[in-house]
Amino acid sequence: MDLYDVMRTTSAARQFTEDPLPDDVLERILDNARFAPSGGNRQGTRVIVIRDRATRESLADLSVTGARRYIAQQRAGENPWNPVHPMGVSAEDVAAVQVPRATQLLDAAVVLVVCVDLGVVAAFDQDLDRVGVIAGASVYPFVWNILLAARNEGYGGVLTTMTVAEEPAVKTLLAIPEQYAVAAVLPLGKPVRQLKKLRRKSVAEIASRERFDGPAF
């Protein structure tokens, strides 16, 4: 596929057919994705390829904590898990939420858990009075490359992070060393429906000249 076509049609696929994603195709996806940039080219990413049903069931169960709070806040008109606006929903209301099963983790052909070695990232924002985001520059380009490469191969997936709310349990389940952080859980497979046109803000809405409050680019 043309690069720009891939970029414009890589959607969040959460429903999959029963078509397999063979190991040789997945290896090709990862082989190309690995050329993503990382801080100092230290390449601190690791991928766990999960096909085992029981392990995926466990990951789906571990996503409940994140999803329950997400749904409760969304229903209350809040921005779920927002680091700027504190949660106004009570713990009792969160606990009462019935969470649908994360079926994408069970129906996908494969699930990838992407980790990053915190011992090799440069977190320039670690002393700022806000949630850290800079360390993600050493892992999320790789994650997105996986999704772009999957689209190029006729497959799809979605970047999920619900399980990270239970990261200690995920680390125990998958024998992930303490120094690593879980950055993303990617279910991949053949999408039931491949979107051909995505809705996004225009360039003028997201880019300005010289300053944040400068004229639209």
N, C-alpha and C. Protein backbone atom coordinates (compact mmCIF):
# COMPACT_ATOMS: atom_id res chain seq x y z
N MET A 1 0.83 -1.19 0.00
CA MET A 1 0.00 0.00 0.00
C MET A 1 0.87 1.25 0.00
N ASP A 2 0.34 2.34 -0.54
CA ASP A 2 1.01 3.63 -0.46
C ASP A 2 1.08 4.07 1.00
N LEU A 3 2.21 4.66 1.40
CA LEU A 3 2.41 5.06 2.79
C LEU A 3 1.30 5.96 3.29
N TYR A 4 0.94 6.97 2.51
CA TYR A 4 -0.10 7.89 2.96
C TYR A 4 -1.46 7.20 3.08
N ASP A 5 -1.74 6.23 2.22
CA ASP A 5 -2.98 5.47 2.34
C ASP A 5 -2.99 4.67 3.64
N VAL A 6 -1.85 4.09 3.99
CA VAL A 6 -1.74 3.34 5.24
C VAL A 6 -1.99 4.28 6.42
N MET A 7 -1.37 5.46 6.41
CA MET A 7 -1.51 6.40 7.51
C MET A 7 -2.95 6.89 7.65
N ARG A 8 -3.64 7.05 6.54
CA ARG A 8 -5.00 7.59 6.57
C ARG A 8 -6.08 6.54 6.82
N THR A 9 -5.72 5.26 6.78
CA THR A 9 -6.73 4.21 6.94
C THR A 9 -6.42 3.23 8.06
N THR A 10 -5.42 3.54 8.89
CA THR A 10 -5.12 2.67 10.03
C THR A 10 -6.04 3.07 11.18
N SER A 11 -7.12 2.33 11.31
CA SER A 11 -8.13 2.65 12.32
C SER A 11 -7.97 1.74 13.53
N ALA A 12 -8.74 2.00 14.58
CA ALA A 12 -8.74 1.16 15.77
C ALA A 12 -9.70 -0.01 15.55
N ALA A 13 -9.15 -1.17 15.23
CA ALA A 13 -9.95 -2.36 14.95
C ALA A 13 -10.12 -3.18 16.24
N ARG A 14 -11.37 -3.39 16.63
CA ARG A 14 -11.66 -4.13 17.86
C ARG A 14 -12.47 -5.40 17.61
N GLN A 15 -12.93 -5.58 16.38
CA GLN A 15 -13.69 -6.79 16.03
C GLN A 15 -12.95 -7.51 14.91
N PHE A 16 -12.78 -8.81 15.08
CA PHE A 16 -11.94 -9.57 14.15
C PHE A 16 -12.66 -10.81 13.63
N THR A 17 -12.27 -11.22 12.43
CA THR A 17 -12.75 -12.46 11.87
C THR A 17 -11.97 -13.61 12.50
N GLU A 18 -12.26 -14.82 12.07
CA GLU A 18 -11.53 -15.98 12.58
C GLU A 18 -10.27 -16.28 11.77
N ASP A 19 -9.94 -15.41 10.82
CA ASP A 19 -8.73 -15.62 10.03
C ASP A 19 -7.49 -15.58 10.92
N PRO A 20 -6.55 -16.47 10.68
CA PRO A 20 -5.32 -16.47 11.48
C PRO A 20 -4.37 -15.36 11.05
N LEU A 21 -3.44 -15.05 11.92
CA LEU A 21 -2.33 -14.17 11.57
C LEU A 21 -1.08 -15.02 11.71
N PRO A 22 -0.59 -15.59 10.60
CA PRO A 22 0.52 -16.55 10.67
C PRO A 22 1.79 -15.93 11.27
N ASP A 23 2.61 -16.78 11.86
CA ASP A 23 3.84 -16.33 12.47
C ASP A 23 4.76 -15.60 11.48
N ASP A 24 4.80 -16.07 10.23
CA ASP A 24 5.71 -15.43 9.28
C ASP A 24 5.26 -14.01 8.94
N VAL A 25 3.95 -13.78 8.91
CA VAL A 25 3.44 -12.43 8.66
C VAL A 25 3.70 -11.55 9.87
N LEU A 26 3.46 -12.09 11.06
CA LEU A 26 3.71 -11.32 12.28
C LEU A 26 5.19 -10.99 12.41
N GLU A 27 6.05 -11.93 12.04
CA GLU A 27 7.49 -11.66 12.09
C GLU A 27 7.86 -10.53 11.14
N ARG A 28 7.21 -10.49 9.97
CA ARG A 28 7.47 -9.43 9.00
C ARG A 28 6.98 -8.07 9.55
N ILE A 29 5.84 -8.08 10.22
CA ILE A 29 5.33 -6.86 10.83
C ILE A 29 6.31 -6.32 11.86
N LEU A 30 6.79 -7.19 12.75
CA LEU A 30 7.72 -6.77 13.79
C LEU A 30 9.09 -6.41 13.21
N ASP A 31 9.49 -7.12 12.15
CA ASP A 31 10.78 -6.85 11.52
C ASP A 31 10.84 -5.44 10.96
N ASN A 32 9.71 -4.96 10.43
CA ASN A 32 9.67 -3.60 9.90
C ASN A 32 9.41 -2.57 11.00
N ALA A 33 8.59 -2.94 11.97
CA ALA A 33 8.26 -2.01 13.05
C ALA A 33 9.48 -1.66 13.90
N ARG A 34 10.43 -2.56 13.99
CA ARG A 34 11.58 -2.35 14.87
C ARG A 34 12.46 -1.17 14.46
N PHE A 35 12.25 -0.63 13.26
CA PHE A 35 13.04 0.51 12.81
C PHE A 35 12.51 1.85 13.34
N ALA A 36 11.54 1.79 14.23
CA ALA A 36 11.04 3.01 14.87
C ALA A 36 12.16 3.66 15.69
N PRO A 37 12.14 4.98 15.81
CA PRO A 37 13.17 5.65 16.61
C PRO A 37 12.94 5.45 18.10
N SER A 38 14.00 5.59 18.87
CA SER A 38 13.92 5.56 20.33
C SER A 38 15.01 6.46 20.87
N GLY A 39 14.87 6.90 22.11
CA GLY A 39 15.83 7.81 22.71
C GLY A 39 17.24 7.24 22.70
N GLY A 40 18.17 7.95 22.07
CA GLY A 40 19.55 7.50 22.00
C GLY A 40 19.72 6.22 21.21
N ASN A 41 18.69 5.83 20.45
CA ASN A 41 18.68 4.56 19.72
C ASN A 41 18.97 3.38 20.65
N ARG A 42 18.50 3.48 21.90
CA ARG A 42 18.77 2.43 22.87
C ARG A 42 17.84 1.23 22.74
N GLN A 43 16.75 1.40 22.02
CA GLN A 43 15.88 0.27 21.64
C GLN A 43 15.49 -0.61 22.84
N GLY A 44 14.88 0.07 23.83
CA GLY A 44 14.54 -0.65 25.05
C GLY A 44 13.19 -1.34 25.03
N THR A 45 12.64 -1.59 23.85
CA THR A 45 11.32 -2.22 23.77
C THR A 45 11.43 -3.74 23.74
N ARG A 46 10.43 -4.39 24.29
CA ARG A 46 10.29 -5.85 24.23
C ARG A 46 8.84 -6.18 23.91
N VAL A 47 8.63 -7.24 23.15
CA VAL A 47 7.29 -7.67 22.75
C VAL A 47 7.05 -9.10 23.23
N ILE A 48 5.92 -9.31 23.87
CA ILE A 48 5.50 -10.66 24.26
C ILE A 48 4.34 -11.05 23.34
N VAL A 49 4.54 -12.11 22.56
CA VAL A 49 3.54 -12.59 21.60
C VAL A 49 2.68 -13.65 22.29
N ILE A 50 1.40 -13.36 22.43
CA ILE A 50 0.52 -14.24 23.21
C ILE A 50 -0.59 -14.81 22.33
N ARG A 51 -0.57 -16.12 22.21
CA ARG A 51 -1.65 -16.84 21.52
C ARG A 51 -2.46 -17.71 22.50
N ASP A 52 -1.87 -18.05 23.62
CA ASP A 52 -2.53 -18.94 24.59
C ASP A 52 -3.84 -18.33 25.09
N ARG A 53 -4.89 -19.10 25.01
CA ARG A 53 -6.23 -18.62 25.39
C ARG A 53 -6.31 -18.27 26.87
N ALA A 54 -5.74 -19.10 27.73
CA ALA A 54 -5.83 -18.87 29.17
C ALA A 54 -5.14 -17.57 29.57
N THR A 55 -4.00 -17.29 28.96
CA THR A 55 -3.28 -16.05 29.26
C THR A 55 -4.08 -14.84 28.81
N ARG A 56 -4.71 -14.96 27.67
CA ARG A 56 -5.52 -13.87 27.17
C ARG A 56 -6.77 -13.66 28.04
N GLU A 57 -7.32 -14.74 28.55
CA GLU A 57 -8.45 -14.63 29.49
C GLU A 57 -8.01 -13.84 30.73
N SER A 58 -6.81 -14.13 31.20
CA SER A 58 -6.30 -13.44 32.38
C SER A 58 -6.09 -11.95 32.10
N LEU A 59 -5.57 -11.63 30.93
CA LEU A 59 -5.39 -10.23 30.56
C LEU A 59 -6.74 -9.51 30.47
N ALA A 60 -7.74 -10.19 29.93
CA ALA A 60 -9.08 -9.61 29.85
C ALA A 60 -9.62 -9.33 31.24
N ASP A 61 -9.40 -10.26 32.17
CA ASP A 61 -9.85 -10.07 33.54
C ASP A 61 -9.14 -8.88 34.20
N LEU A 62 -7.84 -8.73 33.90
CA LEU A 62 -7.07 -7.66 34.51
C LEU A 62 -7.41 -6.28 33.93
N SER A 63 -8.11 -6.26 32.81
CA SER A 63 -8.52 -4.98 32.23
C SER A 63 -9.77 -4.42 32.89
N VAL A 64 -10.41 -5.21 33.74
CA VAL A 64 -11.67 -4.79 34.36
C VAL A 64 -11.49 -3.56 35.26
N THR A 65 -10.42 -3.52 36.03
CA THR A 65 -10.19 -2.40 36.94
C THR A 65 -10.16 -1.07 36.20
N GLY A 66 -9.37 -1.00 35.14
CA GLY A 66 -9.28 0.23 34.35
C GLY A 66 -10.58 0.56 33.67
N ALA A 67 -11.24 -0.46 33.12
CA ALA A 67 -12.48 -0.24 32.39
C ALA A 67 -13.61 0.20 33.31
N ARG A 68 -13.67 -0.34 34.51
CA ARG A 68 -14.75 0.00 35.44
C ARG A 68 -14.71 1.48 35.79
N ARG A 69 -13.53 1.98 36.13
CA ARG A 69 -13.43 3.42 36.44
C ARG A 69 -13.68 4.26 35.19
N TYR A 70 -13.18 3.82 34.05
CA TYR A 70 -13.37 4.56 32.80
C TYR A 70 -14.86 4.75 32.51
N ILE A 71 -15.62 3.66 32.61
CA ILE A 71 -17.05 3.71 32.31
C ILE A 71 -17.78 4.58 33.32
N ALA A 72 -17.44 4.42 34.62
CA ALA A 72 -18.10 5.21 35.66
C ALA A 72 -17.90 6.70 35.45
N GLN A 73 -16.68 7.10 35.14
CA GLN A 73 -16.39 8.52 34.92
C GLN A 73 -17.05 9.03 33.65
N GLN A 74 -17.03 8.21 32.62
CA GLN A 74 -17.65 8.61 31.35
C GLN A 74 -19.14 8.85 31.54
N ARG A 75 -19.79 7.98 32.27
CA ARG A 75 -21.23 8.14 32.53
C ARG A 75 -21.52 9.40 33.33
N ALA A 76 -20.56 9.82 34.14
CA ALA A 76 -20.74 11.01 34.98
C ALA A 76 -20.33 12.29 34.24
N GLY A 77 -19.96 12.16 32.98
CA GLY A 77 -19.57 13.31 32.20
C GLY A 77 -18.15 13.77 32.43
N GLU A 78 -17.32 12.92 33.03
CA GLU A 78 -15.93 13.27 33.29
C GLU A 78 -15.03 12.71 32.18
N ASN A 79 -13.81 13.26 32.12
CA ASN A 79 -12.79 12.68 31.23
C ASN A 79 -12.11 11.55 31.98
N PRO A 80 -12.34 10.30 31.57
CA PRO A 80 -11.85 9.15 32.35
C PRO A 80 -10.33 9.14 32.54
N TRP A 81 -9.91 8.83 33.75
CA TRP A 81 -8.50 8.68 34.10
C TRP A 81 -7.69 9.92 33.75
N ASN A 82 -8.29 11.08 33.82
CA ASN A 82 -7.61 12.31 33.42
C ASN A 82 -6.64 12.76 34.51
N PRO A 83 -5.39 13.09 34.15
CA PRO A 83 -4.40 13.49 35.17
C PRO A 83 -4.55 14.93 35.65
N VAL A 84 -5.38 15.74 34.98
CA VAL A 84 -5.56 17.14 35.36
C VAL A 84 -6.80 17.32 36.22
N HIS A 85 -7.90 16.68 35.83
CA HIS A 85 -9.16 16.81 36.55
C HIS A 85 -9.39 15.57 37.41
N PRO A 86 -9.38 15.70 38.73
CA PRO A 86 -9.53 14.53 39.60
C PRO A 86 -10.90 13.88 39.47
N MET A 87 -10.94 12.61 39.79
CA MET A 87 -12.19 11.85 39.68
C MET A 87 -13.19 12.32 40.73
N GLY A 88 -14.43 12.56 40.29
CA GLY A 88 -15.48 12.96 41.20
C GLY A 88 -16.43 11.83 41.54
N VAL A 89 -16.28 10.71 40.87
CA VAL A 89 -17.16 9.56 41.09
C VAL A 89 -16.71 8.82 42.35
N SER A 90 -17.64 8.37 43.14
CA SER A 90 -17.29 7.67 44.37
C SER A 90 -16.78 6.26 44.08
N ALA A 91 -16.00 5.74 45.02
CA ALA A 91 -15.49 4.38 44.87
C ALA A 91 -16.63 3.37 44.79
N GLU A 92 -17.71 3.65 45.51
CA GLU A 92 -18.87 2.76 45.49
C GLU A 92 -19.52 2.72 44.10
N ASP A 93 -19.62 3.90 43.47
CA ASP A 93 -20.19 3.96 42.14
C ASP A 93 -19.30 3.25 41.11
N VAL A 94 -17.99 3.39 41.29
CA VAL A 94 -17.07 2.69 40.39
C VAL A 94 -17.22 1.18 40.54
N ALA A 95 -17.28 0.71 41.78
CA ALA A 95 -17.37 -0.72 42.05
C ALA A 95 -18.67 -1.32 41.53
N ALA A 96 -19.71 -0.49 41.41
CA ALA A 96 -21.02 -0.99 40.98
C ALA A 96 -21.13 -1.15 39.46
N VAL A 97 -20.16 -0.65 38.72
CA VAL A 97 -20.23 -0.72 37.26
C VAL A 97 -20.05 -2.15 36.77
N GLN A 98 -20.93 -2.56 35.89
CA GLN A 98 -20.82 -3.86 35.24
C GLN A 98 -20.00 -3.67 33.96
N VAL A 99 -18.88 -4.35 33.87
CA VAL A 99 -17.95 -4.15 32.75
C VAL A 99 -18.11 -5.26 31.72
N PRO A 100 -18.34 -4.89 30.46
CA PRO A 100 -18.37 -5.91 29.42
C PRO A 100 -16.99 -6.53 29.22
N ARG A 101 -16.95 -7.77 28.83
CA ARG A 101 -15.68 -8.47 28.64
C ARG A 101 -14.88 -7.83 27.51
N ALA A 102 -13.57 -7.75 27.70
CA ALA A 102 -12.69 -7.20 26.66
C ALA A 102 -12.51 -8.25 25.56
N THR A 103 -13.58 -8.40 24.76
CA THR A 103 -13.59 -9.50 23.79
C THR A 103 -12.51 -9.37 22.72
N GLN A 104 -12.02 -8.14 22.48
CA GLN A 104 -10.98 -8.00 21.46
C GLN A 104 -9.71 -8.77 21.85
N LEU A 105 -9.48 -8.93 23.15
CA LEU A 105 -8.31 -9.68 23.59
C LEU A 105 -8.50 -11.18 23.39
N LEU A 106 -9.74 -11.61 23.27
CA LEU A 106 -10.04 -13.03 23.11
C LEU A 106 -10.27 -13.40 21.65
N ASP A 107 -10.82 -12.49 20.87
CA ASP A 107 -11.18 -12.78 19.49
C ASP A 107 -10.07 -12.52 18.49
N ALA A 108 -9.07 -11.73 18.87
CA ALA A 108 -7.97 -11.43 17.96
C ALA A 108 -7.16 -12.68 17.67
N ALA A 109 -6.46 -12.66 16.55
CA ALA A 109 -5.61 -13.79 16.19
C ALA A 109 -4.42 -13.91 17.15
N VAL A 110 -3.96 -12.77 17.64
CA VAL A 110 -2.81 -12.75 18.55
C VAL A 110 -2.88 -11.47 19.38
N VAL A 111 -2.29 -11.50 20.55
CA VAL A 111 -2.20 -10.32 21.40
C VAL A 111 -0.72 -10.05 21.68
N LEU A 112 -0.31 -8.80 21.44
CA LEU A 112 1.06 -8.39 21.74
C LEU A 112 1.07 -7.50 22.97
N VAL A 113 1.93 -7.81 23.91
CA VAL A 113 2.16 -6.94 25.06
C VAL A 113 3.51 -6.27 24.86
N VAL A 114 3.51 -4.95 24.73
CA VAL A 114 4.73 -4.19 24.45
C VAL A 114 5.22 -3.53 25.73
N CYS A 115 6.48 -3.79 26.07
CA CYS A 115 7.08 -3.24 27.28
C CYS A 115 8.26 -2.35 26.91
N VAL A 116 8.63 -1.47 27.84
CA VAL A 116 9.80 -0.62 27.63
C VAL A 116 10.67 -0.66 28.88
N ASP A 117 11.97 -0.76 28.68
CA ASP A 117 12.94 -0.79 29.76
C ASP A 117 13.15 0.63 30.29
N LEU A 118 12.66 0.89 31.49
CA LEU A 118 12.77 2.23 32.07
C LEU A 118 14.22 2.59 32.42
N GLY A 119 15.09 1.60 32.38
CA GLY A 119 16.49 1.84 32.68
C GLY A 119 17.25 2.47 31.54
N VAL A 120 16.62 2.58 30.36
CA VAL A 120 17.33 3.15 29.21
C VAL A 120 16.61 4.36 28.60
N VAL A 121 15.49 4.78 29.19
CA VAL A 121 14.77 5.93 28.64
C VAL A 121 15.27 7.23 29.29
N ALA A 122 15.07 8.34 28.59
CA ALA A 122 15.41 9.66 29.13
C ALA A 122 14.11 10.41 29.39
N ALA A 123 13.72 10.50 30.65
CA ALA A 123 12.47 11.16 31.03
C ALA A 123 12.77 12.59 31.44
N PHE A 124 12.88 13.49 30.47
CA PHE A 124 13.24 14.87 30.74
C PHE A 124 12.18 15.61 31.55
N ASP A 125 11.00 15.04 31.66
CA ASP A 125 9.93 15.70 32.41
C ASP A 125 9.75 15.13 33.80
N GLN A 126 10.70 14.34 34.26
CA GLN A 126 10.51 13.64 35.54
C GLN A 126 10.42 14.58 36.74
N ASP A 127 10.97 15.80 36.64
CA ASP A 127 10.93 16.73 37.76
C ASP A 127 9.84 17.79 37.63
N LEU A 128 9.04 17.70 36.59
CA LEU A 128 7.95 18.65 36.41
C LEU A 128 6.74 18.24 37.25
N ASP A 129 5.92 19.21 37.58
CA ASP A 129 4.75 18.94 38.41
C ASP A 129 3.56 18.55 37.53
N ARG A 130 3.73 17.46 36.83
CA ARG A 130 2.66 16.91 36.00
C ARG A 130 2.98 15.45 35.72
N VAL A 131 2.02 14.74 35.16
CA VAL A 131 2.25 13.35 34.81
C VAL A 131 3.30 13.26 33.71
N GLY A 132 4.18 12.28 33.79
CA GLY A 132 5.24 12.13 32.80
C GLY A 132 4.72 11.56 31.48
N VAL A 133 5.21 12.12 30.37
CA VAL A 133 4.84 11.60 29.05
C VAL A 133 6.06 11.37 28.15
N ILE A 134 7.19 12.00 28.47
CA ILE A 134 8.33 12.00 27.56
C ILE A 134 8.91 10.60 27.34
N ALA A 135 8.92 9.77 28.35
CA ALA A 135 9.48 8.42 28.20
C ALA A 135 8.75 7.62 27.12
N GLY A 136 7.50 8.00 26.86
CA GLY A 136 6.73 7.30 25.82
C GLY A 136 7.32 7.46 24.44
N ALA A 137 8.16 8.48 24.26
CA ALA A 137 8.79 8.69 22.95
C ALA A 137 9.70 7.53 22.57
N SER A 138 10.12 6.73 23.54
CA SER A 138 11.00 5.60 23.26
C SER A 138 10.25 4.29 23.03
N VAL A 139 8.90 4.34 23.06
CA VAL A 139 8.16 3.09 22.85
C VAL A 139 6.97 3.25 21.90
N TYR A 140 6.26 4.39 21.96
CA TYR A 140 5.05 4.50 21.16
C TYR A 140 5.26 4.64 19.66
N PRO A 141 6.38 5.21 19.19
CA PRO A 141 6.63 5.11 17.75
C PRO A 141 6.72 3.66 17.27
N PHE A 142 7.31 2.80 18.09
CA PHE A 142 7.38 1.38 17.77
C PHE A 142 5.99 0.74 17.76
N VAL A 143 5.18 1.08 18.77
CA VAL A 143 3.81 0.55 18.84
C VAL A 143 3.02 0.95 17.60
N TRP A 144 3.12 2.22 17.22
CA TRP A 144 2.38 2.69 16.05
C TRP A 144 2.91 2.05 14.77
N ASN A 145 4.21 1.84 14.70
CA ASN A 145 4.77 1.14 13.53
C ASN A 145 4.18 -0.26 13.39
N ILE A 146 3.94 -0.92 14.50
CA ILE A 146 3.32 -2.25 14.46
C ILE A 146 1.94 -2.16 13.81
N LEU A 147 1.15 -1.17 14.24
CA LEU A 147 -0.20 -1.03 13.70
C LEU A 147 -0.17 -0.62 12.22
N LEU A 148 0.77 0.24 11.84
CA LEU A 148 0.90 0.62 10.43
C LEU A 148 1.31 -0.59 9.58
N ALA A 149 2.26 -1.35 10.08
CA ALA A 149 2.72 -2.53 9.34
C ALA A 149 1.61 -3.57 9.23
N ALA A 150 0.83 -3.72 10.30
CA ALA A 150 -0.30 -4.66 10.26
C ALA A 150 -1.31 -4.23 9.20
N ARG A 151 -1.59 -2.94 9.14
CA ARG A 151 -2.52 -2.43 8.12
C ARG A 151 -1.98 -2.71 6.72
N ASN A 152 -0.70 -2.54 6.53
CA ASN A 152 -0.08 -2.78 5.23
C ASN A 152 -0.21 -4.24 4.81
N GLU A 153 -0.28 -5.13 5.80
CA GLU A 153 -0.40 -6.57 5.53
C GLU A 153 -1.86 -7.02 5.43
N GLY A 154 -2.80 -6.07 5.59
CA GLY A 154 -4.20 -6.42 5.52
C GLY A 154 -4.81 -6.80 6.85
N TYR A 155 -4.09 -6.53 7.94
CA TYR A 155 -4.59 -6.83 9.28
C TYR A 155 -4.84 -5.52 10.03
N GLY A 156 -5.27 -5.61 11.27
CA GLY A 156 -5.54 -4.43 12.05
C GLY A 156 -5.48 -4.73 13.52
N GLY A 157 -5.62 -3.70 14.32
CA GLY A 157 -5.57 -3.87 15.77
C GLY A 157 -5.90 -2.57 16.46
N VAL A 158 -5.64 -2.53 17.74
CA VAL A 158 -5.92 -1.33 18.51
C VAL A 158 -4.95 -1.26 19.68
N LEU A 159 -4.51 -0.03 19.98
CA LEU A 159 -3.62 0.19 21.12
C LEU A 159 -4.48 0.29 22.37
N THR A 160 -4.38 -0.68 23.27
CA THR A 160 -5.14 -0.65 24.52
C THR A 160 -4.19 -0.51 25.70
N THR A 161 -4.68 0.12 26.76
CA THR A 161 -3.86 0.32 27.96
C THR A 161 -4.63 0.02 29.25
N MET A 162 -5.84 -0.51 29.13
CA MET A 162 -6.68 -0.76 30.30
C MET A 162 -5.97 -1.63 31.34
N THR A 163 -5.20 -2.61 30.89
CA THR A 163 -4.57 -3.55 31.83
C THR A 163 -3.48 -2.89 32.67
N VAL A 164 -2.98 -1.73 32.23
CA VAL A 164 -1.87 -1.10 32.95
C VAL A 164 -2.29 -0.67 34.36
N ALA A 165 -3.57 -0.48 34.59
CA ALA A 165 -4.05 -0.18 35.95
C ALA A 165 -3.72 -1.32 36.92
N GLU A 166 -3.52 -2.51 36.36
CA GLU A 166 -3.14 -3.68 37.16
C GLU A 166 -1.75 -4.17 36.75
N GLU A 167 -0.85 -3.22 36.50
CA GLU A 167 0.48 -3.59 35.99
C GLU A 167 1.22 -4.61 36.86
N PRO A 168 1.24 -4.50 38.19
CA PRO A 168 1.94 -5.52 38.98
C PRO A 168 1.46 -6.94 38.70
N ALA A 169 0.15 -7.09 38.55
CA ALA A 169 -0.40 -8.42 38.27
C ALA A 169 -0.04 -8.87 36.85
N VAL A 170 -0.02 -7.94 35.90
CA VAL A 170 0.37 -8.27 34.53
C VAL A 170 1.83 -8.72 34.51
N LYS A 171 2.67 -8.03 35.26
CA LYS A 171 4.09 -8.41 35.31
C LYS A 171 4.27 -9.81 35.89
N THR A 172 3.51 -10.11 36.91
CA THR A 172 3.58 -11.45 37.50
C THR A 172 3.11 -12.51 36.51
N LEU A 173 2.01 -12.22 35.83
CA LEU A 173 1.44 -13.16 34.86
C LEU A 173 2.42 -13.48 33.74
N LEU A 174 3.14 -12.45 33.26
CA LEU A 174 3.98 -12.61 32.08
C LEU A 174 5.47 -12.62 32.40
N ALA A 175 5.83 -12.67 33.68
CA ALA A 175 7.24 -12.72 34.11
C ALA A 175 8.03 -11.52 33.57
N ILE A 176 7.44 -10.35 33.64
CA ILE A 176 8.10 -9.13 33.17
C ILE A 176 8.99 -8.58 34.28
N PRO A 177 10.26 -8.29 33.99
CA PRO A 177 11.16 -7.76 35.02
C PRO A 177 10.68 -6.43 35.59
N GLU A 178 11.06 -6.14 36.82
CA GLU A 178 10.61 -4.95 37.52
C GLU A 178 10.98 -3.67 36.78
N GLN A 179 12.13 -3.66 36.12
CA GLN A 179 12.61 -2.44 35.46
C GLN A 179 11.79 -2.06 34.23
N TYR A 180 10.96 -2.98 33.74
CA TYR A 180 10.16 -2.72 32.54
C TYR A 180 8.78 -2.19 32.91
N ALA A 181 8.24 -1.33 32.04
CA ALA A 181 6.87 -0.85 32.17
C ALA A 181 6.03 -1.43 31.04
N VAL A 182 4.80 -1.73 31.33
CA VAL A 182 3.88 -2.19 30.28
C VAL A 182 3.33 -0.95 29.59
N ALA A 183 3.60 -0.83 28.29
CA ALA A 183 3.20 0.37 27.55
C ALA A 183 1.93 0.19 26.75
N ALA A 184 1.70 -1.02 26.25
CA ALA A 184 0.53 -1.23 25.39
C ALA A 184 0.21 -2.71 25.28
N VAL A 185 -1.07 -2.98 25.10
CA VAL A 185 -1.54 -4.33 24.78
C VAL A 185 -2.25 -4.23 23.44
N LEU A 186 -1.74 -4.95 22.43
CA LEU A 186 -2.25 -4.84 21.07
C LEU A 186 -2.88 -6.14 20.60
N PRO A 187 -4.22 -6.21 20.52
CA PRO A 187 -4.84 -7.33 19.84
C PRO A 187 -4.74 -7.11 18.33
N LEU A 188 -4.31 -8.11 17.59
CA LEU A 188 -4.16 -8.00 16.15
C LEU A 188 -4.91 -9.13 15.45
N GLY A 189 -5.49 -8.83 14.30
CA GLY A 189 -6.18 -9.85 13.52
C GLY A 189 -6.73 -9.24 12.25
N LYS A 190 -7.56 -10.02 11.57
CA LYS A 190 -8.22 -9.54 10.36
C LYS A 190 -9.49 -8.81 10.76
N PRO A 191 -9.57 -7.49 10.52
CA PRO A 191 -10.75 -6.73 10.96
C PRO A 191 -12.03 -7.21 10.26
N VAL A 192 -13.13 -7.23 11.01
CA VAL A 192 -14.43 -7.53 10.42
C VAL A 192 -14.77 -6.47 9.39
N ARG A 193 -14.42 -5.22 9.71
CA ARG A 193 -14.70 -4.11 8.80
C ARG A 193 -13.50 -3.19 8.77
N GLN A 194 -12.97 -2.96 7.58
CA GLN A 194 -11.83 -2.07 7.42
C GLN A 194 -12.31 -0.70 6.97
N LEU A 195 -12.15 0.29 7.84
CA LEU A 195 -12.56 1.65 7.51
C LEU A 195 -11.67 2.21 6.41
N LYS A 196 -12.26 2.93 5.50
CA LYS A 196 -11.52 3.53 4.39
C LYS A 196 -11.35 5.03 4.55
N LYS A 197 -12.12 5.63 5.47
CA LYS A 197 -12.02 7.06 5.68
C LYS A 197 -12.18 7.36 7.17
N LEU A 198 -11.19 8.02 7.74
CA LEU A 198 -11.22 8.35 9.15
C LEU A 198 -11.53 9.82 9.35
N ARG A 199 -12.13 10.16 10.48
CA ARG A 199 -12.44 11.55 10.78
C ARG A 199 -11.38 12.11 11.73
N ARG A 200 -10.75 13.19 11.33
CA ARG A 200 -9.74 13.84 12.15
C ARG A 200 -9.87 15.35 12.01
N LYS A 201 -9.35 16.09 12.97
CA LYS A 201 -9.34 17.54 12.88
C LYS A 201 -8.46 17.97 11.70
N SER A 202 -8.76 19.14 11.15
CA SER A 202 -7.98 19.66 10.04
C SER A 202 -6.63 20.17 10.52
N VAL A 203 -5.70 20.35 9.59
CA VAL A 203 -4.38 20.89 9.93
C VAL A 203 -4.51 22.25 10.61
N ALA A 204 -5.42 23.09 10.11
CA ALA A 204 -5.61 24.42 10.68
C ALA A 204 -6.06 24.37 12.14
N GLU A 205 -6.70 23.26 12.52
CA GLU A 205 -7.18 23.13 13.90
C GLU A 205 -6.11 22.63 14.85
N ILE A 206 -5.06 22.03 14.32
CA ILE A 206 -4.06 21.43 15.20
C ILE A 206 -2.68 22.09 15.10
N ALA A 207 -2.48 23.00 14.13
CA ALA A 207 -1.17 23.62 13.94
C ALA A 207 -1.30 25.13 13.89
N SER A 208 -0.37 25.82 14.57
CA SER A 208 -0.36 27.28 14.55
C SER A 208 1.06 27.78 14.26
N ARG A 209 1.15 29.01 13.83
CA ARG A 209 2.45 29.59 13.47
C ARG A 209 3.10 30.27 14.68
N GLU A 210 4.34 29.89 14.94
CA GLU A 210 5.25 30.54 15.88
C GLU A 210 4.91 30.39 17.36
N ARG A 211 3.62 30.41 17.73
CA ARG A 211 3.19 30.27 19.13
C ARG A 211 1.95 29.41 19.20
N PHE A 212 1.65 28.93 20.43
CA PHE A 212 0.44 28.14 20.62
C PHE A 212 -0.79 28.93 20.23
N ASP A 213 -0.78 30.25 20.54
CA ASP A 213 -1.91 31.10 20.21
C ASP A 213 -1.69 31.88 18.91
N GLY A 214 -0.75 31.43 18.09
CA GLY A 214 -0.48 32.09 16.82
C GLY A 214 -1.54 31.76 15.79
N PRO A 215 -1.48 32.40 14.62
CA PRO A 215 -2.45 32.14 13.57
C PRO A 215 -2.37 30.70 13.07
N ALA A 216 -3.49 30.18 12.63
CA ALA A 216 -3.55 28.80 12.15
C ALA A 216 -2.59 28.61 10.98
N PHE A 217 -1.95 27.46 10.94
CA PHE A 217 -1.03 27.15 9.85
C PHE A 217 -1.82 26.69 8.63
